[in-house]
Protein backbone atom coordinates (compact mmCIF):
# COMPACT_ATOMS: atom_id res chain seq x y z
CA UNK A 1 -50.41 -4.68 -21.69
CA UNK A 2 -48.10 -6.84 -19.56
CA UNK A 3 -44.54 -5.62 -19.04
CA UNK A 4 -41.24 -6.81 -17.61
CA UNK A 5 -38.95 -4.38 -15.77
CA UNK A 6 -35.35 -4.88 -14.67
CA UNK A 7 -33.49 -2.49 -12.40
CA UNK A 8 -36.50 -1.51 -10.28
CA UNK A 9 -34.25 -1.19 -7.23
CA UNK A 10 -32.52 1.73 -9.00
CA UNK A 11 -33.76 5.20 -9.87
CA UNK A 12 -34.51 4.62 -13.55
CA UNK A 13 -36.25 1.30 -13.00
CA UNK A 14 -38.26 2.64 -10.08
CA UNK A 15 -39.37 5.60 -12.20
CA UNK A 16 -40.65 3.16 -14.79
CA UNK A 17 -42.26 0.86 -12.23
CA UNK A 18 -44.15 3.65 -10.48
CA UNK A 19 -45.73 4.85 -13.72
CA UNK A 20 -46.61 1.31 -14.79
CA UNK A 21 -48.41 0.68 -11.52
CA UNK A 22 -50.37 3.93 -11.94
CA UNK A 23 -51.19 3.55 -15.64
CA UNK A 24 -54.42 1.80 -16.62
CA UNK A 25 -52.85 0.62 -19.90
CA UNK A 26 -50.58 -1.69 -17.90
CA UNK A 27 -52.41 -4.71 -16.53
CA UNK A 28 -49.48 -6.63 -15.07
CA UNK A 29 -45.87 -5.87 -14.15
CA UNK A 30 -43.14 -8.44 -13.65
CA UNK A 31 -39.96 -7.19 -11.99
CA UNK A 32 -36.75 -9.23 -12.10
CA UNK A 33 -34.34 -8.43 -9.29
CA UNK A 34 -31.42 -9.91 -7.38
CA UNK A 35 -33.02 -8.90 -4.09
CA UNK A 36 -36.64 -8.22 -3.05
CA UNK A 37 -37.89 -4.72 -3.76
CA UNK A 38 -40.34 -4.74 -0.86
CA UNK A 39 -43.26 -3.31 -2.83
CA UNK A 40 -46.73 -4.85 -2.87
CA UNK A 41 -49.36 -4.11 -5.51
CA UNK A 42 -52.24 -6.11 -7.04
CA UNK A 43 -50.72 -6.11 -10.52
CA UNK A 44 -47.10 -6.61 -9.45
CA UNK A 45 -45.17 -9.88 -9.64
CA UNK A 46 -41.52 -10.34 -8.69
CA UNK A 47 -38.88 -12.90 -9.63
CA UNK A 48 -35.68 -13.09 -7.61
CA UNK A 49 -32.94 -14.16 -9.99
CA UNK A 50 -29.34 -14.24 -8.81
CA UNK A 51 -27.46 -14.98 -12.05
CA UNK A 52 -27.98 -12.07 -14.45
CA UNK A 53 -25.50 -13.56 -16.89
CA UNK A 54 -28.07 -16.25 -17.74
CA UNK A 55 -31.81 -15.59 -17.92
CA UNK A 56 -32.61 -18.70 -19.96
CA UNK A 57 -34.26 -20.49 -17.03
CA UNK A 58 -36.92 -17.76 -16.98
CA UNK A 59 -38.00 -18.23 -20.60
CA UNK A 60 -41.32 -19.93 -19.88
CA UNK A 61 -42.26 -17.21 -17.39
CA UNK A 62 -41.85 -14.43 -19.95
CA UNK A 63 -43.95 -15.80 -22.81
CA UNK A 64 -47.10 -13.74 -22.25
CA UNK A 65 -45.46 -10.34 -21.85
CA UNK A 66 -45.79 -7.54 -24.39
CA UNK A 67 -42.69 -5.54 -23.50
CA UNK A 68 -39.44 -5.61 -21.57
CA UNK A 69 -38.10 -2.37 -20.08
CA UNK A 70 -34.44 -3.07 -19.34
CA UNK A 71 -33.56 -0.29 -16.90
CA UNK A 72 -30.70 -1.95 -15.08
CA UNK A 73 -27.26 -0.43 -15.43
CA UNK A 74 -23.96 0.16 -13.70
CA UNK A 75 -21.43 2.98 -13.63
CA UNK A 76 -18.24 2.59 -15.64
CA UNK A 77 -16.20 4.25 -12.88
CA UNK A 78 -13.39 1.99 -11.70
CA UNK A 79 -14.09 -0.65 -14.35
CA UNK A 80 -12.04 -1.63 -17.36
CA UNK A 81 -13.70 -2.41 -20.69
CA UNK A 82 -13.97 -6.15 -20.02
CA UNK A 83 -15.65 -5.58 -16.66
CA UNK A 84 -18.03 -2.93 -17.94
CA UNK A 85 -18.91 -5.10 -20.95
CA UNK A 86 -19.77 -7.97 -18.62
CA UNK A 87 -22.22 -5.85 -16.63
CA UNK A 88 -23.62 -4.05 -19.66
CA UNK A 89 -23.43 -5.94 -22.96
CA UNK A 90 -23.33 -9.53 -21.66
CA UNK A 91 -26.23 -9.14 -19.24
CA UNK A 92 -28.36 -7.26 -21.76
CA UNK A 93 -27.65 -9.81 -24.47
CA UNK A 94 -28.68 -12.68 -22.21
CA UNK A 95 -31.93 -10.95 -21.26
CA UNK A 96 -32.71 -9.99 -24.86
CA UNK A 97 -32.01 -13.50 -26.12
CA UNK A 98 -34.32 -15.01 -23.52
CA UNK A 99 -37.10 -12.49 -24.17
CA UNK A 100 -36.81 -13.07 -27.91
CA UNK A 101 -36.98 -16.84 -27.48
CA UNK A 102 -40.01 -16.42 -25.23
CA UNK A 103 -41.88 -13.98 -27.48
CA UNK A 104 -40.33 -12.32 -30.53
CA UNK A 105 -43.38 -10.03 -30.77
CA UNK A 106 -42.22 -8.32 -27.60
CA UNK A 107 -41.12 -4.65 -27.52
CA UNK A 108 -37.64 -4.37 -25.98
CA UNK A 109 -36.46 -1.06 -24.54
CA UNK A 110 -32.88 -0.57 -23.42
CA UNK A 111 -31.87 2.35 -21.17
CA UNK A 112 -28.62 3.61 -22.61
CA UNK A 113 -27.09 7.05 -22.08
CA UNK A 114 -26.66 10.37 -23.79
CA UNK A 115 -23.44 10.31 -25.78
CA UNK A 116 -23.56 6.60 -26.61
CA UNK A 117 -21.43 5.68 -29.64
CA UNK A 118 -23.33 3.41 -32.04
CA UNK A 119 -20.27 3.25 -34.33
CA UNK A 120 -18.51 1.28 -31.55
CA UNK A 121 -15.25 2.92 -32.68
CA UNK A 122 -14.96 6.02 -30.49
CA UNK A 123 -12.38 6.76 -27.82
CA UNK A 124 -14.79 6.69 -24.85
CA UNK A 125 -15.01 3.16 -23.45
CA UNK A 126 -18.48 3.26 -21.90
CA UNK A 127 -19.94 4.86 -25.04
CA UNK A 128 -18.51 2.09 -27.25
CA UNK A 129 -19.86 -0.67 -24.99
CA UNK A 130 -23.31 0.86 -24.79
CA UNK A 131 -23.25 1.43 -28.55
CA UNK A 132 -22.50 -2.24 -29.10
CA UNK A 133 -25.37 -3.09 -26.75
CA UNK A 134 -27.78 -0.77 -28.56
CA UNK A 135 -26.86 -2.27 -31.91
CA UNK A 136 -27.46 -5.79 -30.66
CA UNK A 137 -30.92 -4.89 -29.37
CA UNK A 138 -31.99 -3.02 -32.50
CA UNK A 139 -30.78 -5.82 -34.79
CA UNK A 140 -32.14 -8.70 -32.72
CA UNK A 141 -35.46 -8.90 -34.57
CA UNK A 142 -37.99 -7.87 -31.94
CA UNK A 143 -41.34 -6.50 -33.09
CA UNK A 144 -39.93 -3.14 -32.05
CA UNK A 145 -37.13 -1.78 -29.87
CA UNK A 146 -35.96 1.57 -28.56
CA UNK A 147 -32.77 2.85 -26.95
CA UNK A 148 -33.52 5.45 -24.29
CA UNK A 149 -30.41 7.65 -24.20
CA UNK A 150 -31.06 9.14 -20.83
CA UNK A 151 -29.21 12.27 -19.77
CA UNK A 152 -30.49 14.27 -16.81
CA UNK A 153 -33.35 12.68 -14.85
CA UNK A 154 -35.11 14.61 -12.09
CA UNK A 155 -36.49 12.22 -9.42
CA UNK A 156 -40.01 12.65 -8.08
CA UNK A 157 -41.90 11.15 -5.16
CA UNK A 158 -40.20 8.09 -3.68
CA UNK A 159 -37.78 7.76 -6.59
CA UNK A 160 -34.14 8.03 -5.54
CA UNK A 161 -30.69 6.69 -6.20
CA UNK A 162 -29.22 3.77 -4.25
CA UNK A 163 -25.75 5.27 -4.49
CA UNK A 164 -24.68 7.56 -1.62
CA UNK A 165 -22.61 9.62 -4.06
CA UNK A 166 -25.55 10.19 -6.40
CA UNK A 167 -27.83 10.91 -3.44
CA UNK A 168 -25.48 13.70 -2.45
CA UNK A 169 -25.41 15.10 -5.99
CA UNK A 170 -29.22 15.12 -6.21
CA UNK A 171 -29.47 16.75 -2.79
CA UNK A 172 -27.16 19.55 -3.92
CA UNK A 173 -29.02 19.96 -7.22
CA UNK A 174 -32.55 19.91 -5.75
CA UNK A 175 -32.90 23.73 -5.48
CA UNK A 176 -32.21 23.92 -9.22
CA UNK A 177 -34.93 21.42 -10.25
CA UNK A 178 -37.47 24.12 -11.27
CA UNK A 179 -34.92 25.64 -13.65
CA UNK A 180 -33.74 22.28 -14.93
CA UNK A 181 -37.30 21.24 -15.81
CA UNK A 182 -37.41 24.09 -18.31
CA UNK A 183 -34.56 22.55 -20.30
CA UNK A 184 -36.04 20.50 -23.14
CA UNK A 185 -33.43 17.74 -22.87
CA UNK A 186 -34.06 17.17 -19.13
CA UNK A 187 -36.76 14.71 -18.16
CA UNK A 188 -38.47 13.71 -14.92
CA UNK A 189 -39.12 10.29 -13.44
CA UNK A 190 -42.83 10.43 -14.28
CA UNK A 191 -42.22 11.54 -17.88
CA UNK A 192 -39.63 8.84 -18.34
CA UNK A 193 -42.02 6.13 -17.12
CA UNK A 194 -44.81 7.43 -19.35
CA UNK A 195 -42.50 7.44 -22.36
CA UNK A 196 -41.59 3.81 -21.68
CA UNK A 197 -45.27 2.85 -21.61
CA UNK A 198 -46.17 4.88 -24.70
CA UNK A 199 -43.31 3.36 -26.69
CA UNK A 200 -45.12 0.01 -26.79
CA UNK A 201 -47.57 1.39 -29.35
CA UNK A 202 -45.45 4.21 -30.82
CA UNK A 203 -44.09 2.27 -33.82
CA UNK A 204 -41.93 5.21 -34.89
CA UNK A 205 -38.80 5.25 -37.04
CA UNK A 206 -36.64 7.08 -34.48
CA UNK A 207 -35.11 4.35 -32.29
CA UNK A 208 -32.41 6.32 -30.43
CA UNK A 209 -34.32 8.55 -28.03
CA UNK A 210 -32.52 11.49 -26.45
CA UNK A 211 -34.00 13.55 -23.60
CA UNK A 212 -36.11 15.76 -25.86
CA UNK A 213 -37.47 12.68 -27.67
CA UNK A 214 -38.29 10.98 -24.36
CA UNK A 215 -40.28 14.03 -23.25
CA UNK A 216 -42.12 14.07 -26.57
CA UNK A 217 -43.00 10.38 -26.30
CA UNK A 218 -44.30 10.94 -22.78
CA UNK A 219 -47.04 13.15 -24.25
CA UNK A 220 -48.35 10.54 -26.70
CA UNK A 221 -51.87 9.27 -26.14
């Protein structure tokens, strides 16, 4: 399969990228970033794209891909609903529209978050916005689509957060990783990447994947 990944400069995207580069099922990986990732690999291609509000110019470069793993995201801290919607819903909609126009038989996976509100009516702003984004993806008409409602992710290898605040949190939590891994809802960077890959052929009815579902999908053959 040939896959597209966004957000590879972040922890979630890098988790997905690492597994795609290791997995024999994946023949080619295209990453779309605002700045170069600085990684070289025989099956890796990179597009530097500065305007994430409009992906339409990339349409012809996405035609032959089987899946898009949209791992890019931002924190809602310090943002009002309009700002968070711009960085979450608007960007995702533009990417999904372009991928759909390029190849509607593509699988589109959106990394959401645990606690997302698909009713779009709840009191928590970020949950409403992500719920609206999930609904758009699932109703777009792709061959298949999944919303990965990620909760706790334990980084492995060279996977890490670009945020100094999150780096500090993970440093403090590191001694507890062995215990955390025993919690069924907690996943690891390698399991998350494997689940992304396995979703391309999963064709299952459950479209909102919580941590326990992500771990289960990681085990599929």
